[in-house]
PDB file of N, CA and C in Angstrom:
ATOM      1  N   MET A   1       0.860 -11.972  28.846  1.00  0.00           N
ATOM      2  CA  MET A   1       1.581 -12.031  27.589  1.00  0.00           C
ATOM      3  C   MET A   1       2.135 -10.673  27.181  1.00  0.00           C
ATOM      4  N   LYS A   2       1.444  -9.611  27.579  1.00  0.00           N
ATOM      5  CA  LYS A   2       1.957  -8.281  27.252  1.00  0.00           C
ATOM      6  C   LYS A   2       3.308  -8.041  27.922  1.00  0.00           C
ATOM      7  N   THR A   3       3.460  -8.566  29.135  1.00  0.00           N
ATOM      8  CA  THR A   3       4.725  -8.406  29.850  1.00  0.00           C
ATOM      9  C   THR A   3       5.843  -9.154  29.127  1.00  0.00           C
ATOM     10  N   ILE A   4       5.569 -10.376  28.695  1.00  0.00           N
ATOM     11  CA  ILE A   4       6.568 -11.156  27.964  1.00  0.00           C
ATOM     12  C   ILE A   4       6.920 -10.455  26.662  1.00  0.00           C
ATOM     13  N   PHE A   5       5.914  -9.940  25.963  1.00  0.00           N
ATOM     14  CA  PHE A   5       6.154  -9.216  24.720  1.00  0.00           C
ATOM     15  C   PHE A   5       7.029  -7.990  24.978  1.00  0.00           C
ATOM     16  N   THR A   6       6.734  -7.247  26.025  1.00  0.00           N
ATOM     17  CA  THR A   6       7.506  -6.048  26.347  1.00  0.00           C
ATOM     18  C   THR A   6       8.952  -6.385  26.694  1.00  0.00           C
ATOM     19  N   ILE A   7       9.148  -7.433  27.479  1.00  0.00           N
ATOM     20  CA  ILE A   7      10.511  -7.854  27.830  1.00  0.00           C
ATOM     21  C   ILE A   7      11.269  -8.286  26.578  1.00  0.00           C
ATOM     22  N   ALA A   8      10.599  -9.050  25.699  1.00  0.00           N
ATOM     23  CA  ALA A   8      11.231  -9.488  24.451  1.00  0.00           C
ATOM     24  C   ALA A   8      11.558  -8.285  23.563  1.00  0.00           C
ATOM     25  N   PHE A   9      10.678  -7.303  23.531  1.00  0.00           N
ATOM     26  CA  PHE A   9      10.913  -6.098  22.739  1.00  0.00           C
ATOM     27  C   PHE A   9      12.148  -5.347  23.243  1.00  0.00           C
ATOM     28  N   ILE A  10      12.249  -5.190  24.556  1.00  0.00           N
ATOM     29  CA  ILE A  10      13.399  -4.493  25.141  1.00  0.00           C
ATOM     30  C   ILE A  10      14.688  -5.261  24.856  1.00  0.00           C
ATOM     31  N   LEU A  11      14.653  -6.586  25.023  1.00  0.00           N
ATOM     32  CA  LEU A  11      15.833  -7.395  24.724  1.00  0.00           C
ATOM     33  C   LEU A  11      16.212  -7.303  23.249  1.00  0.00           C
ATOM     34  N   HIS A  12      15.221  -7.283  22.382  1.00  0.00           N
ATOM     35  CA  HIS A  12      15.469  -7.177  20.947  1.00  0.00           C
ATOM     36  C   HIS A  12      16.150  -5.849  20.613  1.00  0.00           C
ATOM     37  N   MET A  13      15.644  -4.771  21.180  1.00  0.00           N
ATOM     38  CA  MET A  13      16.247  -3.457  20.930  1.00  0.00           C
ATOM     39  C   MET A  13      17.679  -3.402  21.458  1.00  0.00           C
ATOM     40  N   LEU A  14      17.903  -3.903  22.658  1.00  0.00           N
ATOM     41  CA  LEU A  14      19.253  -3.894  23.226  1.00  0.00           C
ATOM     42  C   LEU A  14      20.207  -4.758  22.406  1.00  0.00           C
ATOM     43  N   ALA A  15      19.709  -5.877  21.881  1.00  0.00           N
ATOM     44  CA  ALA A  15      20.553  -6.757  21.076  1.00  0.00           C
ATOM     45  C   ALA A  15      20.944  -6.088  19.758  1.00  0.00           C
ATOM     46  N   ILE A  16      20.010  -5.407  19.111  1.00  0.00           N
ATOM     47  CA  ILE A  16      20.335  -4.720  17.862  1.00  0.00           C
ATOM     48  C   ILE A  16      21.321  -3.580  18.131  1.00  0.00           C
ATOM     49  N   ILE A  17      21.110  -2.861  19.216  1.00  0.00           N
ATOM     50  CA  ILE A  17      22.058  -1.804  19.598  1.00  0.00           C
ATOM     51  C   ILE A  17      23.423  -2.424  19.891  1.00  0.00           C
ATOM     52  N   GLY A  18      23.430  -3.602  20.500  1.00  0.00           N
ATOM     53  CA  GLY A  18      24.678  -4.295  20.789  1.00  0.00           C
ATOM     54  C   GLY A  18      25.435  -4.661  19.530  1.00  0.00           C
ATOM     55  N   ILE A  19      24.727  -5.180  18.528  1.00  0.00           N
ATOM     56  CA  ILE A  19      25.381  -5.521  17.257  1.00  0.00           C
ATOM     57  C   ILE A  19      26.028  -4.282  16.664  1.00  0.00           C
ATOM     58  N   LEU A  20      25.253  -3.226  16.551  1.00  0.00           N
ATOM     59  CA  LEU A  20      25.748  -2.002  15.912  1.00  0.00           C
ATOM     60  C   LEU A  20      26.909  -1.385  16.693  1.00  0.00           C
ATOM     61  N   SER A  21      26.783  -1.313  18.001  1.00  0.00           N
ATOM     62  CA  SER A  21      27.841  -0.676  18.788  1.00  0.00           C
ATOM     63  C   SER A  21      29.126  -1.509  18.777  1.00  0.00           C
ATOM     64  N   LEU A  22      29.010  -2.834  18.832  1.00  0.00           N
ATOM     65  CA  LEU A  22      30.213  -3.666  18.789  1.00  0.00           C
ATOM     66  C   LEU A  22      30.901  -3.595  17.429  1.00  0.00           C
ATOM     67  N   LEU A  23      30.122  -3.470  16.368  1.00  0.00           N
ATOM     68  CA  LEU A  23      30.725  -3.311  15.044  1.00  0.00           C
ATOM     69  C   LEU A  23      31.377  -1.938  14.901  1.00  0.00           C
ATOM     70  N   LEU A  24      30.697  -0.909  15.373  1.00  0.00           N
ATOM     71  CA  LEU A  24      31.255   0.442  15.268  1.00  0.00           C
ATOM     72  C   LEU A  24      32.479   0.618  16.166  1.00  0.00           C
ATOM     73  N   HIS A  25      32.555  -0.172  17.222  1.00  0.00           N
ATOM     74  CA  HIS A  25      33.714  -0.121  18.119  1.00  0.00           C
ATOM     75  C   HIS A  25      34.995  -0.518  17.384  1.00  0.00           C
ATOM     76  N   GLN A  26      34.854  -1.288  16.316  1.00  0.00           N
ATOM     77  CA  GLN A  26      36.010  -1.736  15.535  1.00  0.00           C
ATOM     78  C   GLN A  26      36.408  -0.741  14.442  1.00  0.00           C
ATOM     79  N   ALA A  27      35.750   0.396  14.382  1.00  0.00           N
ATOM     80  CA  ALA A  27      35.939   1.331  13.274  1.00  0.00           C
ATOM     81  C   ALA A  27      37.389   1.777  13.093  1.00  0.00           C
ATOM     82  N   PHE A  28      38.056   2.105  14.155  1.00  0.00           N
ATOM     83  CA  PHE A  28      39.401   2.653  14.035  1.00  0.00           C
ATOM     84  C   PHE A  28      40.478   1.691  14.532  1.00  0.00           C
ATOM     85  N   LYS A  29      40.103   0.443  14.706  1.00  0.00           N
ATOM     86  CA  LYS A  29      41.081  -0.543  15.155  1.00  0.00           C
ATOM     87  C   LYS A  29      41.749  -1.188  13.954  1.00  0.00           C
ATOM     88  N   SER A  30      42.983  -1.556  14.159  1.00  0.00           N
ATOM     89  CA  SER A  30      43.686  -2.250  13.096  1.00  0.00           C
ATOM     90  C   SER A  30      44.483  -3.375  13.742  1.00  0.00           C
ATOM     91  N   PRO A  31      44.299  -4.599  13.425  1.00  0.00           N
ATOM     92  CA  PRO A  31      43.312  -5.128  12.495  1.00  0.00           C
ATOM     93  C   PRO A  31      41.950  -5.270  13.172  1.00  0.00           C
ATOM     94  N   ARG A  32      40.910  -5.186  12.355  1.00  0.00           N
ATOM     95  CA  ARG A  32      39.555  -5.401  12.873  1.00  0.00           C
ATOM     96  C   ARG A  32      39.371  -6.885  13.155  1.00  0.00           C
ATOM     97  N   LYS A  33      38.735  -7.186  14.281  1.00  0.00           N
ATOM     98  CA  LYS A  33      38.418  -8.570  14.619  1.00  0.00           C
ATOM     99  C   LYS A  33      36.964  -8.614  15.044  1.00  0.00           C
ATOM    100  N   LEU A  34      36.246  -9.608  14.551  1.00  0.00           N
ATOM    101  CA  LEU A  34      34.837  -9.733  14.888  1.00  0.00           C
ATOM    102  C   LEU A  34      34.694 -10.221  16.320  1.00  0.00           C
ATOM    103  N   SER A  35      33.995  -9.468  17.114  1.00  0.00           N
ATOM    104  CA  SER A  35      33.756  -9.818  18.505  1.00  0.00           C
ATOM    105  C   SER A  35      32.689 -10.905  18.588  1.00  0.00           C
ATOM    106  N   GLY A  36      32.868 -11.824  19.518  1.00  0.00           N
ATOM    107  CA  GLY A  36      31.848 -12.846  19.746  1.00  0.00           C
ATOM    108  C   GLY A  36      30.546 -12.242  20.230  1.00  0.00           C
ATOM    109  N   GLY A  37      30.626 -11.046  20.800  1.00  0.00           N
ATOM    110  CA  GLY A  37      29.423 -10.366  21.257  1.00  0.00           C
ATOM    111  C   GLY A  37      28.470 -10.025  20.128  1.00  0.00           C
ATOM    112  N   VAL A  38      29.009  -9.831  18.922  1.00  0.00           N
ATOM    113  CA  VAL A  38      28.150  -9.564  17.766  1.00  0.00           C
ATOM    114  C   VAL A  38      27.260 -10.772  17.502  1.00  0.00           C
ATOM    115  N   LEU A  39      27.847 -11.955  17.568  1.00  0.00           N
ATOM    116  CA  LEU A  39      27.070 -13.171  17.344  1.00  0.00           C
ATOM    117  C   LEU A  39      26.066 -13.402  18.472  1.00  0.00           C
ATOM    118  N   HIS A  40      26.482 -13.152  19.705  1.00  0.00           N
ATOM    119  CA  HIS A  40      25.564 -13.316  20.827  1.00  0.00           C
ATOM    120  C   HIS A  40      24.404 -12.331  20.726  1.00  0.00           C
ATOM    121  N   SER A  41      24.704 -11.105  20.338  1.00  0.00           N
ATOM    122  CA  SER A  41      23.649 -10.104  20.183  1.00  0.00           C
ATOM    123  C   SER A  41      22.697 -10.483  19.050  1.00  0.00           C
ATOM    124  N   ALA A  42      23.241 -11.000  17.952  1.00  0.00           N
ATOM    125  CA  ALA A  42      22.392 -11.402  16.829  1.00  0.00           C
ATOM    126  C   ALA A  42      21.492 -12.572  17.226  1.00  0.00           C
ATOM    127  N   LEU A  43      22.037 -13.529  17.963  1.00  0.00           N
ATOM    128  CA  LEU A  43      21.206 -14.643  18.422  1.00  0.00           C
ATOM    129  C   LEU A  43      20.140 -14.177  19.415  1.00  0.00           C
ATOM    130  N   THR A  44      20.505 -13.256  20.285  1.00  0.00           N
ATOM    131  CA  THR A  44      19.525 -12.705  21.228  1.00  0.00           C
ATOM    132  C   THR A  44      18.417 -11.972  20.479  1.00  0.00           C
ATOM    133  N   ALA A  45      18.791 -11.186  19.466  1.00  0.00           N
ATOM    134  CA  ALA A  45      17.788 -10.480  18.663  1.00  0.00           C
ATOM    135  C   ALA A  45      16.877 -11.466  17.947  1.00  0.00           C
ATOM    136  N   LEU A  46      17.439 -12.556  17.449  1.00  0.00           N
ATOM    137  CA  LEU A  46      16.649 -13.565  16.753  1.00  0.00           C
ATOM    138  C   LEU A  46      15.648 -14.228  17.694  1.00  0.00           C
ATOM    139  N   VAL A  47      16.122 -14.668  18.851  1.00  0.00           N
ATOM    140  CA  VAL A  47      15.237 -15.335  19.810  1.00  0.00           C
ATOM    141  C   VAL A  47      14.167 -14.374  20.328  1.00  0.00           C
ATOM    142  N   ALA A  48      14.556 -13.153  20.648  1.00  0.00           N
ATOM    143  CA  ALA A  48      13.581 -12.166  21.131  1.00  0.00           C
ATOM    144  C   ALA A  48      12.556 -11.853  20.043  1.00  0.00           C
ATOM    145  N   GLY A  49      12.989 -11.783  18.794  1.00  0.00           N
ATOM    146  CA  GLY A  49      12.061 -11.546  17.692  1.00  0.00           C
ATOM    147  C   GLY A  49      11.062 -12.679  17.531  1.00  0.00           C
ATOM    148  N   VAL A  50      11.534 -13.911  17.677  1.00  0.00           N
ATOM    149  CA  VAL A  50      10.628 -15.062  17.593  1.00  0.00           C
ATOM    150  C   VAL A  50       9.610 -15.032  18.735  1.00  0.00           C
ATOM    151  N   VAL A  51      10.060 -14.670  19.927  1.00  0.00           N
ATOM    152  CA  VAL A  51       9.141 -14.551  21.067  1.00  0.00           C
ATOM    153  C   VAL A  51       8.120 -13.447  20.809  1.00  0.00           C
ATOM    154  N   MET A  52       8.566 -12.329  20.246  1.00  0.00           N
ATOM    155  CA  MET A  52       7.641 -11.234  19.952  1.00  0.00           C
ATOM    156  C   MET A  52       6.582 -11.667  18.936  1.00  0.00           C
ATOM    157  N   VAL A  53       6.993 -12.387  17.904  1.00  0.00           N
ATOM    158  CA  VAL A  53       6.037 -12.862  16.899  1.00  0.00           C
ATOM    159  C   VAL A  53       5.069 -13.854  17.534  1.00  0.00           C
ATOM    160  N   GLY A  54       5.573 -14.732  18.396  1.00  0.00           N
ATOM    161  CA  GLY A  54       4.725 -15.724  19.045  1.00  0.00           C
ATOM    162  C   GLY A  54       3.706 -15.140  19.990  1.00  0.00           C
ATOM    163  N   THR A  55       4.015 -14.024  20.613  1.00  0.00           N
ATOM    164  CA  THR A  55       3.086 -13.411  21.570  1.00  0.00           C
ATOM    165  C   THR A  55       2.319 -12.229  20.985  1.00  0.00           C
ATOM    166  N   TRP A  56       2.485 -11.973  19.702  1.00  0.00           N
ATOM    167  CA  TRP A  56       1.879 -10.799  19.070  1.00  0.00           C
ATOM    168  C   TRP A  56       0.357 -10.783  19.209  1.00  0.00           C
ATOM    169  N   THR A  57      -0.305 -11.886  18.895  1.00  0.00           N
ATOM    170  CA  THR A  57      -1.779 -11.887  18.845  1.00  0.00           C
ATOM    171  C   THR A  57      -2.401 -11.648  20.214  1.00  0.00           C
ATOM    172  N   THR A  58      -1.745 -12.080  21.283  1.00  0.00           N
ATOM    173  CA  THR A  58      -2.302 -11.820  22.602  1.00  0.00           C
ATOM    174  C   THR A  58      -1.858 -10.478  23.163  1.00  0.00           C
ATOM    175  N   ALA A  59      -0.683 -10.014  22.782  1.00  0.00           N
ATOM    176  CA  ALA A  59      -0.190  -8.735  23.291  1.00  0.00           C
ATOM    177  C   ALA A  59      -0.807  -7.552  22.552  1.00  0.00           C
ATOM    178  N   LYS A  60      -1.048  -7.721  21.245  1.00  0.00           N
ATOM    179  CA  LYS A  60      -1.594  -6.638  20.427  1.00  0.00           C
ATOM    180  C   LYS A  60      -2.728  -7.183  19.557  1.00  0.00           C
ATOM    181  N   PRO A  61      -3.885  -7.462  20.162  1.00  0.00           N
ATOM    182  CA  PRO A  61      -4.977  -8.083  19.397  1.00  0.00           C
ATOM    183  C   PRO A  61      -5.586  -7.172  18.331  1.00  0.00           C
ATOM    184  N   ASP A  62      -5.418  -5.871  18.453  1.00  0.00           N
ATOM    185  CA  ASP A  62      -6.014  -4.933  17.494  1.00  0.00           C
ATOM    186  C   ASP A  62      -5.132  -4.707  16.268  1.00  0.00           C
ATOM    187  N   GLU A  63      -3.871  -5.078  16.340  1.00  0.00           N
ATOM    188  CA  GLU A  63      -2.946  -4.839  15.236  1.00  0.00           C
ATOM    189  C   GLU A  63      -2.651  -6.140  14.505  1.00  0.00           C
ATOM    190  N   GLU A  64      -2.547  -6.030  13.194  1.00  0.00           N
ATOM    191  CA  GLU A  64      -2.216  -7.203  12.389  1.00  0.00           C
ATOM    192  C   GLU A  64      -0.711  -7.250  12.154  1.00  0.00           C
ATOM    193  N   LEU A  65      -0.170  -8.439  12.197  1.00  0.00           N
ATOM    194  CA  LEU A  65       1.264  -8.639  12.022  1.00  0.00           C
ATOM    195  C   LEU A  65       1.614  -8.640  10.538  1.00  0.00           C
ATOM    196  N   ASN A  66       2.654  -7.896  10.170  1.00  0.00           N
ATOM    197  CA  ASN A  66       3.125  -7.846   8.794  1.00  0.00           C
ATOM    198  C   ASN A  66       4.152  -8.970   8.594  1.00  0.00           C
ATOM    199  N   HIS A  67       3.693 -10.074   8.020  1.00  0.00           N
ATOM    200  CA  HIS A  67       4.546 -11.245   7.878  1.00  0.00           C
ATOM    201  C   HIS A  67       5.693 -11.022   6.900  1.00  0.00           C
ATOM    202  N   THR A  68       5.490 -10.189   5.896  1.00  0.00           N
ATOM    203  CA  THR A  68       6.562  -9.892   4.944  1.00  0.00           C
ATOM    204  C   THR A  68       7.711  -9.171   5.651  1.00  0.00           C
ATOM    205  N   LYS A  69       7.367  -8.188   6.450  1.00  0.00           N
ATOM    206  CA  LYS A  69       8.378  -7.437   7.205  1.00  0.00           C
ATOM    207  C   LYS A  69       9.150  -8.369   8.129  1.00  0.00           C
ATOM    208  N   ILE A  70       8.431  -9.238   8.830  1.00  0.00           N
ATOM    209  CA  ILE A  70       9.069 -10.169   9.760  1.00  0.00           C
ATOM    210  C   ILE A  70       9.983 -11.131   8.999  1.00  0.00           C
ATOM    211  N   GLY A  71       9.542 -11.600   7.842  1.00  0.00           N
ATOM    212  CA  GLY A  71      10.351 -12.508   7.039  1.00  0.00           C
ATOM    213  C   GLY A  71      11.633 -11.864   6.543  1.00  0.00           C
ATOM    214  N   VAL A  72      11.537 -10.622   6.089  1.00  0.00           N
ATOM    215  CA  VAL A  72      12.727  -9.911   5.609  1.00  0.00           C
ATOM    216  C   VAL A  72      13.696  -9.673   6.763  1.00  0.00           C
ATOM    217  N   LYS A  73      13.177  -9.251   7.915  1.00  0.00           N
ATOM    218  CA  LYS A  73      14.037  -9.021   9.075  1.00  0.00           C
ATOM    219  C   LYS A  73      14.694 -10.318   9.540  1.00  0.00           C
ATOM    220  N   LEU A  74      13.967 -11.424   9.481  1.00  0.00           N
ATOM    221  CA  LEU A  74      14.520 -12.715   9.841  1.00  0.00           C
ATOM    222  C   LEU A  74      15.664 -13.095   8.905  1.00  0.00           C
ATOM    223  N   LEU A  75      15.460 -12.910   7.608  1.00  0.00           N
ATOM    224  CA  LEU A  75      16.521 -13.213   6.650  1.00  0.00           C
ATOM    225  C   LEU A  75      17.764 -12.368   6.888  1.00  0.00           C
ATOM    226  N   ILE A  76      17.574 -11.095   7.197  1.00  0.00           N
ATOM    227  CA  ILE A  76      18.715 -10.215   7.438  1.00  0.00           C
ATOM    228  C   ILE A  76      19.511 -10.681   8.659  1.00  0.00           C
ATOM    229  N   VAL A  77      18.817 -11.028   9.741  1.00  0.00           N
ATOM    230  CA  VAL A  77      19.517 -11.496  10.939  1.00  0.00           C
ATOM    231  C   VAL A  77      20.227 -12.825  10.658  1.00  0.00           C
ATOM    232  N   LEU A  78      19.603 -13.692   9.880  1.00  0.00           N
ATOM    233  CA  LEU A  78      20.258 -14.955   9.534  1.00  0.00           C
ATOM    234  C   LEU A  78      21.516 -14.717   8.699  1.00  0.00           C
ATOM    235  N   VAL A  79      21.470 -13.753   7.775  1.00  0.00           N
ATOM    236  CA  VAL A  79      22.653 -13.430   6.976  1.00  0.00           C
ATOM    237  C   VAL A  79      23.752 -12.859   7.870  1.00  0.00           C
ATOM    238  N   ILE A  80      23.371 -12.003   8.824  1.00  0.00           N
ATOM    239  CA  ILE A  80      24.349 -11.471   9.780  1.00  0.00           C
ATOM    240  C   ILE A  80      25.006 -12.622  10.547  1.00  0.00           C
ATOM    241  N   LEU A  81      24.207 -13.588  10.985  1.00  0.00           N
ATOM    242  CA  LEU A  81      24.757 -14.725  11.715  1.00  0.00           C
ATOM    243  C   LEU A  81      25.669 -15.578  10.840  1.00  0.00           C
ATOM    244  N   ILE A  82      25.264 -15.822   9.608  1.00  0.00           N
ATOM    245  CA  ILE A  82      26.080 -16.642   8.704  1.00  0.00           C
ATOM    246  C   ILE A  82      27.422 -15.957   8.432  1.00  0.00           C
ATOM    247  N   ILE A  83      27.370 -14.675   8.110  1.00  0.00           N
ATOM    248  CA  ILE A  83      28.619 -13.941   7.871  1.00  0.00           C
ATOM    249  C   ILE A  83      29.467 -13.905   9.140  1.00  0.00           C
ATOM    250  N   GLY A  84      28.818 -13.712  10.268  1.00  0.00           N
ATOM    251  CA  GLY A  84      29.544 -13.663  11.532  1.00  0.00           C
ATOM    252  C   GLY A  84      30.230 -14.975  11.859  1.00  0.00           C
ATOM    253  N   TYR A  85      29.503 -16.090  11.753  1.00  0.00           N
ATOM    254  CA  TYR A  85      30.111 -17.382  12.053  1.00  0.00           C
ATOM    255  C   TYR A  85      31.213 -17.742  11.056  1.00  0.00           C
ATOM    256  N   ALA A  86      31.091 -17.271   9.836  1.00  0.00           N
ATOM    257  CA  ALA A  86      32.133 -17.541   8.838  1.00  0.00           C
ATOM    258  C   ALA A  86      33.409 -16.748   9.124  1.00  0.00           C
ATOM    259  N   ASN A  87      33.309 -15.665   9.887  1.00  0.00           N
ATOM    260  CA  ASN A  87      34.465 -14.785  10.102  1.00  0.00           C
ATOM    261  C   ASN A  87      34.918 -14.668  11.552  1.00  0.00           C
ATOM    262  N   VAL A  88      34.278 -15.356  12.457  1.00  0.00           N
ATOM    263  CA  VAL A  88      34.585 -15.143  13.874  1.00  0.00           C
ATOM    264  C   VAL A  88      35.983 -15.644  14.248  1.00  0.00           C
ATOM    265  N   LYS A  89      36.472 -16.676  13.606  1.00  0.00           N
ATOM    266  CA  LYS A  89      37.784 -17.217  13.974  1.00  0.00           C
ATOM    267  C   LYS A  89      38.914 -16.692  13.101  1.00  0.00           C
ATOM    268  N   LYS A  90      38.591 -15.845  12.169  1.00  0.00           N
ATOM    269  CA  LYS A  90      39.630 -15.282  11.311  1.00  0.00           C
ATOM    270  C   LYS A  90      40.409 -14.224  12.089  1.00  0.00           C
ATOM    271  N   PRO A  91      41.708 -14.134  11.836  1.00  0.00           N
ATOM    272  CA  PRO A  91      42.512 -13.166  12.600  1.00  0.00           C
ATOM    273  C   PRO A  91      42.188 -11.712  12.270  1.00  0.00           C
ATOM    274  N   GLU A  92      41.639 -11.478  11.078  1.00  0.00           N
ATOM    275  CA  GLU A  92      41.313 -10.104  10.691  1.00  0.00           C
ATOM    276  C   GLU A  92      39.991 -10.104   9.936  1.00  0.00           C
ATOM    277  N   LEU A  93      39.157  -9.118  10.251  1.00  0.00           N
ATOM    278  CA  LEU A  93      37.880  -8.943   9.565  1.00  0.00           C
ATOM    279  C   LEU A  93      38.090  -7.951   8.425  1.00  0.00           C
ATOM    280  N   LYS A  94      37.798  -8.385   7.215  1.00  0.00           N
ATOM    281  CA  LYS A  94      37.976  -7.509   6.055  1.00  0.00           C
ATOM    282  C   LYS A  94      37.034  -6.318   6.144  1.00  0.00           C
ATOM    283  N   LYS A  95      37.463  -5.203   5.557  1.00  0.00           N
ATOM    284  CA  LYS A  95      36.671  -3.980   5.616  1.00  0.00           C
ATOM    285  C   LYS A  95      35.320  -4.169   4.933  1.00  0.00           C
ATOM    286  N   ASN A  96      35.277  -4.869   3.799  1.00  0.00           N
ATOM    287  CA  ASN A  96      34.012  -5.083   3.095  1.00  0.00           C
ATOM    288  C   ASN A  96      33.042  -5.915   3.930  1.00  0.00           C
ATOM    289  N   THR A  97      33.546  -6.907   4.619  1.00  0.00           N
ATOM    290  CA  THR A  97      32.702  -7.735   5.480  1.00  0.00           C
ATOM    291  C   THR A  97      32.169  -6.908   6.642  1.00  0.00           C
ATOM    292  N   TRP A  98      33.045  -6.110   7.230  1.00  0.00           N
ATOM    293  CA  TRP A  98      32.649  -5.249   8.340  1.00  0.00           C
ATOM    294  C   TRP A  98      31.565  -4.259   7.904  1.00  0.00           C
ATOM    295  N   LEU A  99      31.763  -3.639   6.735  1.00  0.00           N
ATOM    296  CA  LEU A  99      30.773  -2.692   6.221  1.00  0.00           C
ATOM    297  C   LEU A  99      29.466  -3.385   5.872  1.00  0.00           C
ATOM    298  N   THR A 100      29.542  -4.611   5.362  1.00  0.00           N
ATOM    299  CA  THR A 100      28.329  -5.372   5.059  1.00  0.00           C
ATOM    300  C   THR A 100      27.527  -5.647   6.323  1.00  0.00           C
ATOM    301  N   LEU A 101      28.203  -6.046   7.387  1.00  0.00           N
ATOM    302  CA  LEU A 101      27.510  -6.302   8.653  1.00  0.00           C
ATOM    303  C   LEU A 101      26.856  -5.030   9.192  1.00  0.00           C
ATOM    304  N   ILE A 102      27.562  -3.915   9.108  1.00  0.00           N
ATOM    305  CA  ILE A 102      26.975  -2.649   9.558  1.00  0.00           C
ATOM    306  C   ILE A 102      25.783  -2.279   8.680  1.00  0.00           C
ATOM    307  N   GLY A 103      25.934  -2.415   7.375  1.00  0.00           N
ATOM    308  CA  GLY A 103      24.847  -2.091   6.455  1.00  0.00           C
ATOM    309  C   GLY A 103      23.617  -2.946   6.686  1.00  0.00           C
ATOM    310  N   LEU A 104      23.802  -4.243   6.911  1.00  0.00           N
ATOM    311  CA  LEU A 104      22.662  -5.127   7.177  1.00  0.00           C
ATOM    312  C   LEU A 104      21.969  -4.766   8.487  1.00  0.00           C
ATOM    313  N   THR A 105      22.755  -4.411   9.491  1.00  0.00           N
ATOM    314  CA  THR A 105      22.170  -4.019  10.772  1.00  0.00           C
ATOM    315  C   THR A 105      21.367  -2.730  10.635  1.00  0.00           C
ATOM    316  N   VAL A 106      21.915  -1.758   9.942  1.00  0.00           N
ATOM    317  CA  VAL A 106      21.201  -0.491   9.732  1.00  0.00           C
ATOM    318  C   VAL A 106      19.950  -0.729   8.878  1.00  0.00           C
ATOM    319  N   LEU A 107      20.062  -1.582   7.860  1.00  0.00           N
ATOM    320  CA  LEU A 107      18.893  -1.917   7.038  1.00  0.00           C
ATOM    321  C   LEU A 107      17.795  -2.549   7.884  1.00  0.00           C
ATOM    322  N   ASN A 108      18.177  -3.418   8.793  1.00  0.00           N
ATOM    323  CA  ASN A 108      17.201  -4.044   9.683  1.00  0.00           C
ATOM    324  C   ASN A 108      16.504  -3.003  10.559  1.00  0.00           C
ATOM    325  N   ILE A 109      17.250  -2.030  11.028  1.00  0.00           N
ATOM    326  CA  ILE A 109      16.664  -0.962  11.841  1.00  0.00           C
ATOM    327  C   ILE A 109      15.710  -0.114  10.998  1.00  0.00           C
ATOM    328  N   ILE A 110      16.115   0.207   9.788  1.00  0.00           N
ATOM    329  CA  ILE A 110      15.269   1.015   8.892  1.00  0.00           C
ATOM    330  C   ILE A 110      13.962   0.295   8.586  1.00  0.00           C
ATOM    331  N   ILE A 111      14.055  -0.992   8.285  1.00  0.00           N
ATOM    332  CA  ILE A 111      12.840  -1.774   8.000  1.00  0.00           C
ATOM    333  C   ILE A 111      11.935  -1.812   9.228  1.00  0.00           C
ATOM    334  N   ALA A 112      12.501  -1.984  10.383  1.00  0.00           N
ATOM    335  CA  ALA A 112      11.698  -2.064  11.617  1.00  0.00           C
ATOM    336  C   ALA A 112      10.968  -0.773  11.912  1.00  0.00           C
ATOM    337  N   THR A 113      11.596   0.349  11.613  1.00  0.00           N
ATOM    338  CA  THR A 113      10.999   1.621  11.997  1.00  0.00           C
ATOM    339  C   THR A 113      10.133   2.264  10.921  1.00  0.00           C
ATOM    340  N   SER A 114      10.312   1.870   9.663  1.00  0.00           N
ATOM    341  CA  SER A 114       9.584   2.600   8.626  1.00  0.00           C
ATOM    342  C   SER A 114       8.558   1.774   7.877  1.00  0.00           C
ATOM    343  N   TRP A 115       8.705   0.479   7.798  1.00  0.00           N
ATOM    344  CA  TRP A 115       7.829  -0.354   6.981  1.00  0.00           C
ATOM    345  C   TRP A 115       6.626  -0.780   7.800  1.00  0.00           C
ATOM    346  N   LYS A 116       5.437  -0.420   7.367  1.00  0.00           N
ATOM    347  CA  LYS A 116       4.209  -0.800   8.086  1.00  0.00           C
ATOM    348  C   LYS A 116       3.709  -2.132   7.685  1.00  0.00           C
TER     349      LYS A 116
END
């Protein structure tokens, strides 16, 4: 189970990096268009996160899982997915929507690294 947890952790990190890098790639483009890769990365992060939560007790028996942190991170990824699916077929991504997606992704990273 530790191996599965580690693989899920690596996939989760790569998926979050994928979301952020694909959004930042649109920084100087005009018009901005939401890449389908953002949605794929968000779904990968969601699935990998669920796998990590499911294997937590066997992979890390000495550590207790912070359910509040996991719940907040889950909500943030779901909001990213909802906003993404609402804007994926639009010809142009509004600047406020783009900034919101970046802000939510950065917030998710901050929560993951600082909240115990």
